[in-house]
Amino acid sequence: MCKKLLILFFPLLLTLHSAAANCFIFVHIPESPWNTTITVWNTGNCTADAVLKIRSTSEAFEHSISIPANGRTVLKSGTDFELGESGELTTESDRLQVKLSYQYKTSPSVSEFFIDANKSGKKFLLQNTIMDWTDWFGMAFYNPNPFSVTLALHAWKEGTKIADSQLSLPPFRKLVVLWSDIWPGLTQSGLDTVIAESNGFISPPISITGNTAQDRHVFFQGRILQEPDLNYRKEMRLFVERISEIGKTAAPGFFIVPQNGQELFTGTGEPDGTVESQYLAAIDATGKEDMFFGYSGDDIATPADVRAYYTALLNIGKSAGVETLVTDYCYTQSKVDESYQLNQAAGFIPFAASDRDLGTIPPYPSHPIDENNNSIETFSSAKNFLYLINSANFGDARANYLNTLDNTNYDVLILDLFFNDNSPLTASEVQQLKTKPGGGKRIVLCYMSIGEAENYRYYWQTEWATTPPSWLMAENPNWPGNYAVKYWETPWLEIILNPGTGYLKKIIDAGFDGVYLDKIDTFEYFE
């Protein structure tokens, strides 16, 4: 569990978080001639502030609003906010109630319902209101994620499943569909219920029933069907698989290397469990800390039973073509020698780190183990690697930092995207590091923590010190400034995966050969 040494300092969050931001999602804001009204009540004794964001296919509009104490604010589309596809209202207040209303032109029929804050799920019940005057039924879905999700739709009538279908929903997009587009030949009264299942967390969808004259309508927000306890291991596997899909699509051949969390290799976390083939297919190698030294403390041999357990799991990865990069923490020369010998015997790619801050090139051995001038294009041909993600020891000497790395003869480099001054490495700098002194090519990976948020990163917001978001958890007692995250929730997924501004996009744009993912084992925090 390695973390970069703090570079910038911010006020520490309280371990017990105070108020968190609340977010109300508006899945469906229909286009003209529909009229949408958002009513916000404040049940508190002080004025409350909120931000309304309306999303369209190409841009987003933001409005700051205030709601008087014990009062309300009414917002109308076309007057108080622009028309768009969907929207959200965020506030630090926990005293707001939000209602959404729909009206077609000047029809006397108005449908309205309250919206709960911070609600998302994977399985929903949608109602088709069947009346003498209804003749069509539709559904509105919104994907708040920076990746596509798949929707499985199941139509039911009086307790019997009638039909199934499947839809794809792009990132940050709304989809409005009629029943007849999904199930041709099925009458509007031929189904009374739809169960919608998503392979990612989405906001509750909306069911819409109306008539051709467009003078009467019924809207309902879908009911979240509570699933059994969240499977934190499955959600981490899905997270890594999405990183792999996005990375390899944007940059073919992009390497995905999760560190630790080898328990994800099987369904039970035990070597005799069912192999998670899809997860293993999504990754190219795996990183393991403390395999032979460091588990109980630096320069201390890892217990034999721990070695045996992880060896069995790592061999499962090996059978699937997943190589292992081992970082042992030891500095006594005899133990460094033993670490390299044990790793080589096990078929692992070794690195003996002399400090857990990973800010120095170990003084011993004086050259990389099994040093060579070969071009390294896959991990199966790599003999050694350097793990150096903290550049604080180089001060502001960026050129010295780059030249030092450039002059090493390691087969693989694992580096941070940012130099000591918090500026990212450029594509030309990364390209320079991809060639060893002897002319052979090497692999350059970029470190990225996906299970913890770090308060020295570009995405950190200073207001989180007093009003942390609901997905930000307690501080890691071993690494000040690092906080566990609910890695399955949309705001964190967007920080990492946003196609325009996400952390992964920055790494790809910098030209790294792949990503080295830390804190995969955060699932243990929630279990």
Protein backbone atom coordinates (compact mmCIF):
# COMPACT_ATOMS: atom_id res chain seq x y z
CA MET A 1 0.00 0.00 0.00
CA CYS A 2 2.24 2.76 -1.29
CA LYS A 3 1.28 6.35 -1.52
CA LYS A 4 3.10 9.37 -2.82
CA LEU A 5 4.57 11.63 -0.14
CA LEU A 6 2.50 14.77 0.37
CA ILE A 7 3.69 17.65 -1.78
CA LEU A 8 1.03 20.28 -1.18
CA PHE A 9 -0.70 20.75 2.14
CA PHE A 10 -4.39 21.43 2.72
CA PRO A 11 -6.43 21.54 5.92
CA LEU A 12 -7.11 17.98 7.02
CA LEU A 13 -10.65 16.65 6.84
CA LEU A 14 -12.20 15.51 10.06
CA THR A 15 -12.25 11.75 10.42
CA LEU A 16 -15.94 12.09 11.29
CA HIS A 17 -17.33 14.01 8.36
CA SER A 18 -19.69 16.92 8.81
CA ALA A 19 -22.34 17.93 6.29
CA ALA A 20 -22.09 16.50 2.79
CA ALA A 21 -23.35 17.90 -0.48
CA ASN A 22 -26.78 16.72 -1.67
CA CYS A 23 -27.60 16.19 -5.33
CA PHE A 24 -31.08 15.92 -6.88
CA ILE A 25 -31.06 14.44 -10.40
CA PHE A 26 -33.67 15.42 -13.01
CA VAL A 27 -33.61 12.51 -15.43
CA HIS A 28 -35.96 14.06 -17.97
CA ILE A 29 -36.37 17.70 -19.05
CA PRO A 30 -38.54 17.44 -22.17
CA GLU A 31 -38.15 19.77 -25.11
CA SER A 32 -40.67 22.43 -26.14
CA PRO A 33 -43.70 22.59 -26.14
CA TRP A 34 -43.41 20.83 -22.81
CA ASN A 35 -43.10 23.03 -19.73
CA THR A 36 -40.97 21.85 -16.80
CA THR A 37 -41.20 23.40 -13.34
CA ILE A 38 -38.74 22.78 -10.50
CA THR A 39 -39.98 23.79 -7.06
CA VAL A 40 -37.50 23.89 -4.18
CA TRP A 41 -38.70 24.15 -0.57
CA ASN A 42 -36.41 25.18 2.28
CA THR A 43 -37.62 23.86 5.63
CA GLY A 44 -34.71 25.43 7.50
CA ASN A 45 -34.54 28.69 9.40
CA CYS A 46 -31.75 30.12 7.24
CA THR A 47 -31.48 30.96 3.56
CA ALA A 48 -30.13 28.01 1.57
CA ASP A 49 -28.02 28.18 -1.58
CA ALA A 50 -28.01 25.71 -4.46
CA VAL A 51 -26.67 25.33 -7.99
CA LEU A 52 -28.92 24.19 -10.82
CA LYS A 53 -27.13 22.59 -13.79
CA ILE A 54 -28.98 21.82 -17.00
CA ARG A 55 -27.26 19.44 -19.43
CA SER A 56 -27.79 19.36 -23.18
CA THR A 57 -26.06 17.11 -25.71
CA SER A 58 -23.18 19.56 -26.16
CA GLU A 59 -22.99 21.82 -23.11
CA ALA A 60 -24.19 22.50 -19.58
CA PHE A 61 -25.75 25.65 -18.11
CA GLU A 62 -25.37 26.57 -14.43
CA HIS A 63 -27.55 28.82 -12.30
CA SER A 64 -26.96 29.83 -8.68
CA ILE A 65 -30.17 30.13 -6.70
CA SER A 66 -31.19 31.00 -3.15
CA ILE A 67 -34.18 29.60 -1.29
CA PRO A 68 -35.53 31.76 1.56
CA ALA A 69 -35.87 30.36 5.06
CA ASN A 70 -39.11 28.42 5.46
CA GLY A 71 -39.97 29.36 1.90
CA ARG A 72 -39.71 28.13 -1.65
CA THR A 73 -38.26 29.02 -5.05
CA VAL A 74 -40.10 28.15 -8.27
CA LEU A 75 -38.10 27.73 -11.47
CA LYS A 76 -39.73 27.45 -14.91
CA SER A 77 -38.15 26.19 -18.12
CA GLY A 78 -37.65 28.84 -20.78
CA THR A 79 -37.87 31.58 -18.16
CA ASP A 80 -35.59 30.63 -15.28
CA PHE A 81 -33.47 27.98 -16.97
CA GLU A 82 -32.69 26.70 -20.45
CA LEU A 83 -34.23 23.63 -21.96
CA GLY A 84 -31.96 20.63 -22.03
CA GLU A 85 -31.89 16.87 -21.74
CA SER A 86 -31.45 16.47 -18.00
CA GLY A 87 -30.39 18.38 -14.93
CA GLU A 88 -29.25 18.33 -11.35
CA LEU A 89 -29.51 20.55 -8.30
CA THR A 90 -26.69 20.45 -5.74
CA THR A 91 -26.67 22.02 -2.30
CA GLU A 92 -24.87 21.75 1.01
CA SER A 93 -28.18 22.12 2.83
CA ASP A 94 -29.98 19.06 4.15
CA ARG A 95 -33.25 21.00 4.54
CA LEU A 96 -34.34 21.18 0.90
CA GLN A 97 -37.23 19.34 -0.73
CA VAL A 98 -37.45 19.27 -4.54
CA LYS A 99 -40.50 18.67 -6.74
CA LEU A 100 -40.55 18.20 -10.52
CA SER A 101 -43.64 19.14 -12.60
CA TYR A 102 -44.48 18.52 -16.27
CA GLN A 103 -47.16 20.19 -18.40
CA TYR A 104 -47.83 19.88 -22.14
CA LYS A 105 -48.45 23.38 -23.56
CA THR A 106 -51.42 24.78 -21.62
CA SER A 107 -53.03 21.43 -20.87
CA PRO A 108 -54.84 21.34 -17.51
CA SER A 109 -53.07 18.03 -16.88
CA VAL A 110 -49.98 18.49 -14.71
CA SER A 111 -47.85 15.57 -13.46
CA GLU A 112 -45.57 16.16 -10.51
CA PHE A 113 -43.60 14.23 -7.91
CA PHE A 114 -40.88 14.76 -5.31
CA ILE A 115 -37.29 13.69 -5.94
CA ASP A 116 -34.97 12.23 -3.32
CA ALA A 117 -31.36 13.37 -3.10
CA ASN A 118 -28.37 11.13 -3.79
CA LYS A 119 -30.43 8.23 -5.11
CA SER A 120 -29.11 5.71 -7.62
CA GLY A 121 -29.42 2.01 -8.24
CA LYS A 122 -29.11 -0.80 -10.73
CA LYS A 123 -32.62 -2.27 -10.66
CA PHE A 124 -35.92 -0.39 -10.90
CA LEU A 125 -39.67 -0.94 -11.08
CA LEU A 126 -41.51 1.24 -13.62
CA GLN A 127 -45.30 1.57 -13.75
CA ASN A 128 -47.47 1.70 -16.87
CA THR A 129 -50.66 3.50 -15.87
CA ILE A 130 -53.44 1.84 -17.88
CA MET A 131 -56.62 3.93 -18.11
CA ASP A 132 -59.48 4.21 -20.63
CA TRP A 133 -57.92 7.39 -21.97
CA THR A 134 -54.28 6.21 -22.26
CA ASP A 135 -52.88 4.83 -25.50
CA TRP A 136 -49.09 5.14 -25.18
CA PHE A 137 -46.38 4.38 -22.63
CA GLY A 138 -42.77 5.52 -22.51
CA MET A 139 -39.70 5.58 -20.28
CA ALA A 140 -36.89 8.10 -19.74
CA PHE A 141 -33.43 6.94 -18.64
CA TYR A 142 -30.36 9.02 -17.82
CA ASN A 143 -26.77 7.77 -17.55
CA PRO A 144 -24.76 10.03 -15.19
CA ASN A 145 -21.59 7.99 -15.74
CA PRO A 146 -18.57 8.70 -17.96
CA PHE A 147 -19.01 5.27 -19.56
CA SER A 148 -21.83 3.52 -21.43
CA VAL A 149 -24.23 1.31 -19.54
CA THR A 150 -26.43 -1.52 -20.77
CA LEU A 151 -30.11 -1.64 -19.82
CA ALA A 152 -32.01 -4.91 -19.67
CA LEU A 153 -35.79 -4.30 -19.84
CA HIS A 154 -38.36 -6.91 -18.81
CA ALA A 155 -42.08 -6.35 -19.56
CA TRP A 156 -44.64 -7.94 -17.19
CA LYS A 157 -48.43 -8.30 -17.26
CA GLU A 158 -50.34 -9.46 -14.19
CA GLY A 159 -47.34 -11.32 -12.76
CA THR A 160 -46.23 -12.96 -16.02
CA LYS A 161 -43.18 -11.84 -17.95
CA ILE A 162 -44.20 -10.94 -21.50
CA ALA A 163 -40.99 -9.83 -23.23
CA ASP A 164 -37.34 -8.84 -22.80
CA SER A 165 -35.15 -6.30 -24.52
CA GLN A 166 -31.79 -4.58 -24.19
CA LEU A 167 -30.64 -1.01 -24.78
CA SER A 168 -27.33 0.84 -24.62
CA LEU A 169 -27.08 4.24 -22.98
CA PRO A 170 -24.04 6.45 -23.81
CA PRO A 171 -22.22 8.52 -21.16
CA PHE A 172 -24.08 11.58 -19.82
CA ARG A 173 -27.00 11.00 -22.15
CA LYS A 174 -30.75 10.69 -21.79
CA LEU A 175 -32.79 8.13 -23.65
CA VAL A 176 -36.58 8.41 -24.06
CA VAL A 177 -38.23 5.36 -25.62
CA LEU A 178 -41.80 4.28 -26.36
CA TRP A 179 -42.95 0.78 -25.55
CA SER A 180 -43.70 0.16 -29.25
CA ASP A 181 -40.07 0.87 -30.19
CA ILE A 182 -38.87 -1.77 -27.74
CA TRP A 183 -41.55 -4.41 -28.19
CA PRO A 184 -43.23 -4.01 -31.61
CA GLY A 185 -46.66 -5.60 -31.74
CA LEU A 186 -47.30 -5.26 -28.00
CA THR A 187 -50.29 -3.04 -27.20
CA GLN A 188 -50.03 -0.31 -24.60
CA SER A 189 -52.33 -2.23 -22.27
CA GLY A 190 -50.39 -5.43 -22.91
CA LEU A 191 -47.96 -4.69 -20.06
CA ASP A 192 -48.44 -3.13 -16.67
CA THR A 193 -44.90 -3.21 -15.27
CA VAL A 194 -41.34 -2.93 -16.52
CA ILE A 195 -38.32 -4.08 -14.51
CA ALA A 196 -35.22 -2.21 -15.70
CA GLU A 197 -31.74 -3.46 -14.82
CA SER A 198 -28.49 -1.59 -15.49
CA ASN A 199 -24.92 -2.85 -15.33
CA GLY A 200 -23.91 0.47 -13.75
CA PHE A 201 -25.45 2.74 -11.12
CA ILE A 202 -27.90 5.18 -12.69
CA SER A 203 -30.50 7.64 -11.45
CA PRO A 204 -34.05 6.32 -11.04
CA PRO A 205 -35.74 6.42 -14.49
CA ILE A 206 -39.18 7.87 -15.19
CA SER A 207 -42.27 6.17 -16.59
CA ILE A 208 -44.59 8.26 -18.78
CA THR A 209 -48.14 7.37 -19.79
CA GLY A 210 -50.36 9.57 -21.95
CA ASN A 211 -52.78 9.84 -24.83
CA THR A 212 -52.47 10.89 -28.45
CA ALA A 213 -54.35 14.12 -27.82
CA GLN A 214 -51.53 15.08 -25.40
CA ASP A 215 -54.00 16.56 -22.93
CA ARG A 216 -53.54 14.02 -20.11
CA HIS A 217 -50.34 12.44 -18.79
CA VAL A 218 -49.03 10.51 -15.79
CA PHE A 219 -45.34 10.61 -14.80
CA PHE A 220 -43.77 8.43 -12.10
CA GLN A 221 -40.22 8.12 -10.85
CA GLY A 222 -39.03 4.51 -10.94
CA ARG A 223 -38.82 2.69 -7.66
CA ILE A 224 -35.38 1.39 -6.71
CA LEU A 225 -35.59 -2.32 -6.02
CA GLN A 226 -33.17 -2.89 -3.20
CA GLU A 227 -30.60 -5.52 -4.02
CA PRO A 228 -28.72 -7.65 -1.50
CA ASP A 229 -25.63 -6.10 0.07
CA LEU A 230 -23.42 -4.28 -2.42
CA ASN A 231 -20.70 -6.58 -3.74
CA TYR A 232 -17.67 -4.38 -3.20
CA ARG A 233 -15.30 -6.80 -4.92
CA LYS A 234 -17.49 -7.01 -7.99
CA GLU A 235 -17.71 -3.21 -8.16
CA MET A 236 -13.91 -2.92 -8.04
CA ARG A 237 -13.57 -5.50 -10.80
CA LEU A 238 -16.07 -3.54 -12.91
CA PHE A 239 -14.14 -0.32 -12.24
CA VAL A 240 -10.87 -1.82 -13.44
CA GLU A 241 -12.57 -3.41 -16.45
CA ARG A 242 -13.99 -0.02 -17.46
CA ILE A 243 -10.59 1.61 -17.10
CA SER A 244 -9.23 -1.14 -19.34
CA GLU A 245 -11.95 -0.70 -21.96
CA ILE A 246 -11.58 3.07 -22.10
CA GLY A 247 -7.77 2.99 -22.03
CA LYS A 248 -7.35 0.34 -24.70
CA THR A 249 -9.95 1.98 -26.94
CA ALA A 250 -8.23 5.36 -26.73
CA ALA A 251 -4.70 3.92 -27.01
CA PRO A 252 -4.49 0.39 -28.44
CA GLY A 253 -1.94 -1.66 -26.52
CA PHE A 254 -2.40 0.46 -23.36
CA PHE A 255 -1.33 -1.62 -20.34
CA ILE A 256 -3.54 -2.08 -17.27
CA VAL A 257 -1.68 -3.12 -14.10
CA PRO A 258 -3.62 -3.17 -10.81
CA GLN A 259 -1.51 -3.24 -7.63
CA ASN A 260 -2.54 -5.67 -4.85
CA GLY A 261 -6.10 -6.95 -4.53
CA GLN A 262 -5.22 -10.34 -6.05
CA GLU A 263 -8.21 -11.66 -4.13
CA LEU A 264 -10.23 -10.37 -7.08
CA PHE A 265 -8.78 -13.12 -9.27
CA THR A 266 -11.43 -15.50 -7.97
CA GLY A 267 -15.02 -15.10 -6.88
CA THR A 268 -14.29 -16.06 -3.27
CA GLY A 269 -10.83 -14.53 -2.97
CA GLU A 270 -9.42 -17.98 -2.29
CA PRO A 271 -7.11 -19.87 -4.66
CA ASP A 272 -9.71 -22.63 -5.08
CA GLY A 273 -12.51 -20.19 -6.01
CA THR A 274 -14.04 -19.73 -9.44
CA VAL A 275 -11.62 -17.80 -11.64
CA GLU A 276 -12.84 -14.34 -12.68
CA SER A 277 -11.79 -14.68 -16.31
CA GLN A 278 -13.28 -11.38 -17.49
CA TYR A 279 -11.27 -9.44 -14.92
CA LEU A 280 -8.05 -11.26 -15.74
CA ALA A 281 -8.63 -10.66 -19.45
CA ALA A 282 -8.91 -6.93 -18.78
CA ILE A 283 -5.48 -6.61 -17.14
CA ASP A 284 -1.97 -7.17 -18.52
CA ALA A 285 0.00 -7.60 -15.30
CA THR A 286 -0.49 -7.27 -11.57
CA GLY A 287 1.56 -5.53 -8.89
CA LYS A 288 2.17 -7.17 -5.51
CA GLU A 289 3.70 -5.45 -2.54
CA ASP A 290 5.38 -7.19 0.42
CA MET A 291 5.48 -10.57 -1.28
CA PHE A 292 8.66 -11.71 0.44
CA PHE A 293 9.62 -8.70 2.57
CA GLY A 294 7.60 -5.86 4.11
CA TYR A 295 4.30 -7.46 5.07
CA SER A 296 4.94 -7.09 8.82
CA GLY A 297 7.35 -4.17 8.50
CA ASP A 298 10.17 -2.95 6.28
CA ASP A 299 13.16 -5.31 6.07
CA ILE A 300 11.13 -8.07 7.79
CA ALA A 301 10.43 -11.34 6.01
CA THR A 302 6.80 -11.93 5.06
CA PRO A 303 5.27 -14.92 6.94
CA ALA A 304 5.38 -18.22 5.05
CA ASP A 305 1.60 -18.72 5.05
CA VAL A 306 1.06 -15.26 3.50
CA ARG A 307 3.64 -16.02 0.82
CA ALA A 308 1.95 -19.33 0.01
CA TYR A 309 -1.53 -17.76 -0.20
CA TYR A 310 -0.49 -15.02 -2.62
CA THR A 311 1.73 -17.32 -4.63
CA ALA A 312 -1.31 -19.51 -5.34
CA LEU A 313 -3.36 -16.50 -6.45
CA LEU A 314 -0.55 -15.06 -8.56
CA ASN A 315 -0.12 -18.41 -10.28
CA ILE A 316 -3.78 -18.18 -11.33
CA GLY A 317 -2.92 -14.87 -12.98
CA LYS A 318 0.17 -16.40 -14.56
CA SER A 319 -1.97 -19.12 -16.15
CA ALA A 320 -4.11 -16.36 -17.68
CA GLY A 321 -1.09 -14.50 -19.08
CA VAL A 322 -0.94 -11.96 -16.25
CA GLU A 323 2.66 -11.32 -15.17
CA THR A 324 3.53 -10.15 -11.65
CA LEU A 325 5.63 -7.14 -10.62
CA VAL A 326 6.69 -7.57 -6.98
CA THR A 327 7.77 -4.66 -4.78
CA ASP A 328 9.50 -5.88 -1.63
CA TYR A 329 10.49 -3.39 1.07
CA CYS A 330 13.96 -4.22 2.35
CA TYR A 331 17.37 -2.52 2.55
CA THR A 332 19.80 -4.92 4.23
CA GLN A 333 21.95 -6.26 1.40
CA SER A 334 21.48 -9.91 2.32
CA LYS A 335 17.71 -9.48 2.38
CA VAL A 336 17.74 -7.57 -0.90
CA ASP A 337 19.67 -10.47 -2.44
CA GLU A 338 17.20 -12.96 -0.98
CA SER A 339 14.24 -10.95 -2.30
CA TYR A 340 15.60 -11.03 -5.84
CA GLN A 341 16.44 -14.73 -5.62
CA LEU A 342 12.97 -15.68 -4.35
CA ASN A 343 11.19 -13.55 -6.93
CA GLN A 344 13.24 -14.89 -9.81
CA ALA A 345 12.64 -18.46 -8.66
CA ALA A 346 8.88 -17.78 -8.58
CA GLY A 347 8.90 -16.19 -12.04
CA PHE A 348 8.07 -12.69 -10.77
CA ILE A 349 9.54 -9.38 -12.00
CA PRO A 350 11.30 -7.98 -8.89
CA PHE A 351 12.07 -4.62 -7.31
CA ALA A 352 13.53 -4.23 -3.81
CA ALA A 353 12.56 -0.76 -2.56
CA SER A 354 14.80 0.77 0.08
CA ASP A 355 12.11 3.19 1.29
CA ARG A 356 8.33 2.95 1.34
CA ASP A 357 7.94 6.53 0.16
CA LEU A 358 9.30 5.36 -3.20
CA GLY A 359 11.33 8.52 -3.68
CA THR A 360 14.81 7.12 -4.32
CA ILE A 361 16.63 4.73 -6.59
CA PRO A 362 17.96 2.00 -4.27
CA PRO A 363 21.73 2.26 -3.78
CA TYR A 364 22.02 -1.53 -3.81
CA PRO A 365 22.39 -3.22 -6.18
CA SER A 366 24.23 -0.52 -8.12
CA HIS A 367 22.64 -1.71 -11.38
CA PRO A 368 19.23 -3.25 -12.11
CA ILE A 369 19.07 -6.99 -11.57
CA ASP A 370 19.49 -8.86 -14.87
CA GLU A 371 20.36 -5.59 -16.60
CA ASN A 372 20.00 -5.78 -20.38
CA ASN A 373 19.76 -3.62 -23.49
CA ASN A 374 16.82 -5.51 -25.00
CA SER A 375 13.69 -3.76 -26.22
CA ILE A 376 10.83 -4.54 -23.85
CA GLU A 377 7.42 -4.59 -25.45
CA THR A 378 5.57 -6.94 -23.07
CA PHE A 379 5.88 -7.79 -19.40
CA SER A 380 6.84 -11.35 -20.21
CA SER A 381 10.21 -10.09 -21.48
CA ALA A 382 10.85 -7.66 -18.59
CA LYS A 383 13.53 -8.63 -16.04
CA ASN A 384 13.33 -5.69 -13.63
CA PHE A 385 11.54 -2.42 -12.90
CA LEU A 386 11.87 0.85 -10.99
CA TYR A 387 9.00 2.12 -8.83
CA LEU A 388 9.59 5.85 -8.15
CA ILE A 389 6.48 7.96 -7.69
CA ASN A 390 7.69 10.63 -5.27
CA SER A 391 9.97 13.28 -6.77
CA ALA A 392 10.27 15.41 -3.59
CA ASN A 393 13.96 14.55 -3.20
CA PHE A 394 14.67 16.31 -6.51
CA GLY A 395 13.31 19.63 -5.26
CA ASP A 396 12.59 21.91 -8.22
CA ALA A 397 15.27 20.26 -10.40
CA ARG A 398 12.96 18.83 -13.03
CA ALA A 399 15.74 18.35 -15.59
CA ASN A 400 17.84 16.43 -13.07
CA TYR A 401 14.84 14.22 -12.25
CA LEU A 402 14.25 13.38 -15.91
CA ASN A 403 17.94 12.86 -16.68
CA THR A 404 18.34 10.57 -13.67
CA LEU A 405 15.46 8.40 -14.83
CA ASP A 406 16.61 8.55 -18.45
CA ASN A 407 20.04 7.22 -17.50
CA THR A 408 18.72 4.18 -15.65
CA ASN A 409 18.63 0.87 -17.47
CA TYR A 410 15.42 -0.58 -15.98
CA ASP A 411 13.04 -2.46 -18.26
CA VAL A 412 9.94 -0.85 -16.74
CA LEU A 413 9.45 2.52 -15.03
CA ILE A 414 6.48 3.25 -12.74
CA LEU A 415 6.22 7.01 -12.29
CA ASP A 416 3.75 9.64 -11.17
CA LEU A 417 2.04 11.86 -13.71
CA PHE A 418 3.09 14.93 -11.75
CA PHE A 419 6.50 16.32 -10.85
CA ASN A 420 7.27 17.79 -7.44
CA ASP A 421 5.75 21.18 -8.36
CA ASN A 422 2.44 19.44 -9.25
CA SER A 423 2.92 20.04 -12.98
CA PRO A 424 2.33 16.99 -15.21
CA LEU A 425 5.01 15.37 -17.30
CA THR A 426 4.67 16.30 -20.94
CA ALA A 427 4.27 13.86 -23.81
CA SER A 428 7.79 14.68 -25.04
CA GLU A 429 9.27 14.03 -21.58
CA VAL A 430 7.52 10.70 -21.30
CA GLN A 431 8.63 9.76 -24.80
CA GLN A 432 12.23 10.53 -23.84
CA LEU A 433 12.01 8.06 -20.93
CA LYS A 434 10.83 5.19 -23.13
CA THR A 435 14.36 4.51 -24.43
CA LYS A 436 17.03 2.88 -22.27
CA PRO A 437 20.62 4.19 -22.43
CA GLY A 438 21.60 1.28 -24.68
CA GLY A 439 18.86 2.14 -27.18
CA GLY A 440 16.36 -0.55 -26.26
CA LYS A 441 12.73 0.38 -25.64
CA ARG A 442 11.11 0.07 -22.23
CA ILE A 443 7.64 0.32 -20.74
CA VAL A 444 6.71 3.49 -18.82
CA LEU A 445 3.65 3.19 -16.58
CA CYS A 446 1.82 5.94 -14.71
CA TYR A 447 0.71 5.55 -11.11
CA MET A 448 -2.92 6.37 -10.29
CA SER A 449 -4.83 5.66 -7.08
CA ILE A 450 -8.43 4.66 -7.79
CA GLY A 451 -9.47 3.52 -4.31
CA GLU A 452 -8.47 6.65 -2.40
CA ALA A 453 -8.66 10.38 -3.05
CA GLU A 454 -5.47 12.34 -2.37
CA ASN A 455 -5.62 15.92 -1.15
CA TYR A 456 -2.52 16.95 -3.13
CA ARG A 457 -4.12 16.14 -6.51
CA TYR A 458 -5.49 18.61 -9.04
CA TYR A 459 -9.07 17.39 -8.50
CA TRP A 460 -9.12 18.11 -4.76
CA GLN A 461 -11.52 20.90 -3.74
CA THR A 462 -10.66 22.92 -0.66
CA GLU A 463 -14.29 23.00 0.49
CA TRP A 464 -14.12 19.25 1.05
CA ALA A 465 -12.25 20.12 4.27
CA THR A 466 -15.52 21.23 5.85
CA THR A 467 -18.23 19.82 3.56
CA PRO A 468 -16.90 16.59 2.05
CA PRO A 469 -18.98 14.87 -0.63
CA SER A 470 -20.93 11.80 0.45
CA TRP A 471 -18.61 9.46 -1.47
CA LEU A 472 -15.49 10.62 0.44
CA MET A 473 -14.77 8.50 3.49
CA ALA A 474 -12.32 8.52 6.41
CA GLU A 475 -8.65 9.43 6.19
CA ASN A 476 -6.12 6.61 5.93
CA PRO A 477 -4.35 6.61 9.32
CA ASN A 478 -1.14 5.36 7.70
CA TRP A 479 -1.07 7.95 4.91
CA PRO A 480 -2.27 11.43 5.98
CA GLY A 481 -4.11 13.25 3.23
CA ASN A 482 -5.48 10.09 1.61
CA TYR A 483 -9.16 9.19 1.92
CA ALA A 484 -11.08 6.06 0.99
CA VAL A 485 -13.75 6.62 -1.65
CA LYS A 486 -16.97 4.92 -2.67
CA TYR A 487 -15.35 3.97 -5.94
CA TRP A 488 -18.61 2.79 -7.51
CA GLU A 489 -20.32 6.18 -7.19
CA THR A 490 -20.66 8.50 -10.17
CA PRO A 491 -18.72 11.59 -8.93
CA TRP A 492 -15.57 9.54 -8.32
CA LEU A 493 -15.99 7.61 -11.57
CA GLU A 494 -16.20 10.93 -13.39
CA ILE A 495 -13.00 12.20 -11.77
CA ILE A 496 -11.17 9.14 -13.03
CA LEU A 497 -12.97 8.34 -16.29
CA ASN A 498 -14.40 11.57 -17.72
CA PRO A 499 -13.55 11.38 -21.45
CA GLY A 500 -12.53 15.04 -21.59
CA THR A 501 -11.05 15.91 -18.21
CA GLY A 502 -10.57 12.64 -16.33
CA TYR A 503 -7.37 11.46 -14.66
CA LEU A 504 -7.09 8.53 -17.08
CA LYS A 505 -7.40 10.89 -20.06
CA LYS A 506 -4.54 13.02 -18.72
CA ILE A 507 -2.34 9.93 -18.44
CA ILE A 508 -3.18 8.78 -21.97
CA ASP A 509 -2.55 12.27 -23.38
CA ALA A 510 0.87 12.32 -21.69
CA GLY A 511 1.82 9.26 -23.74
CA PHE A 512 2.34 6.69 -21.00
CA ASP A 513 2.33 3.05 -22.08
CA GLY A 514 -0.17 2.13 -19.40
CA VAL A 515 -1.47 2.75 -15.92
CA TYR A 516 -0.45 1.29 -12.55
CA LEU A 517 -3.59 1.28 -10.39
CA ASP A 518 -3.23 1.59 -6.62
CA LYS A 519 -5.63 0.90 -3.76
CA ILE A 520 -7.44 -1.88 -5.57
CA ASP A 521 -7.86 -3.46 -2.14
CA THR A 522 -10.08 -0.59 -0.91
CA PHE A 523 -12.94 -3.10 -1.09
CA GLU A 524 -11.60 -4.40 2.24
CA TYR A 525 -12.37 -1.01 3.84
CA PHE A 526 -16.08 -1.45 3.11
CA GLU A 527 -16.25 -5.13 3.95
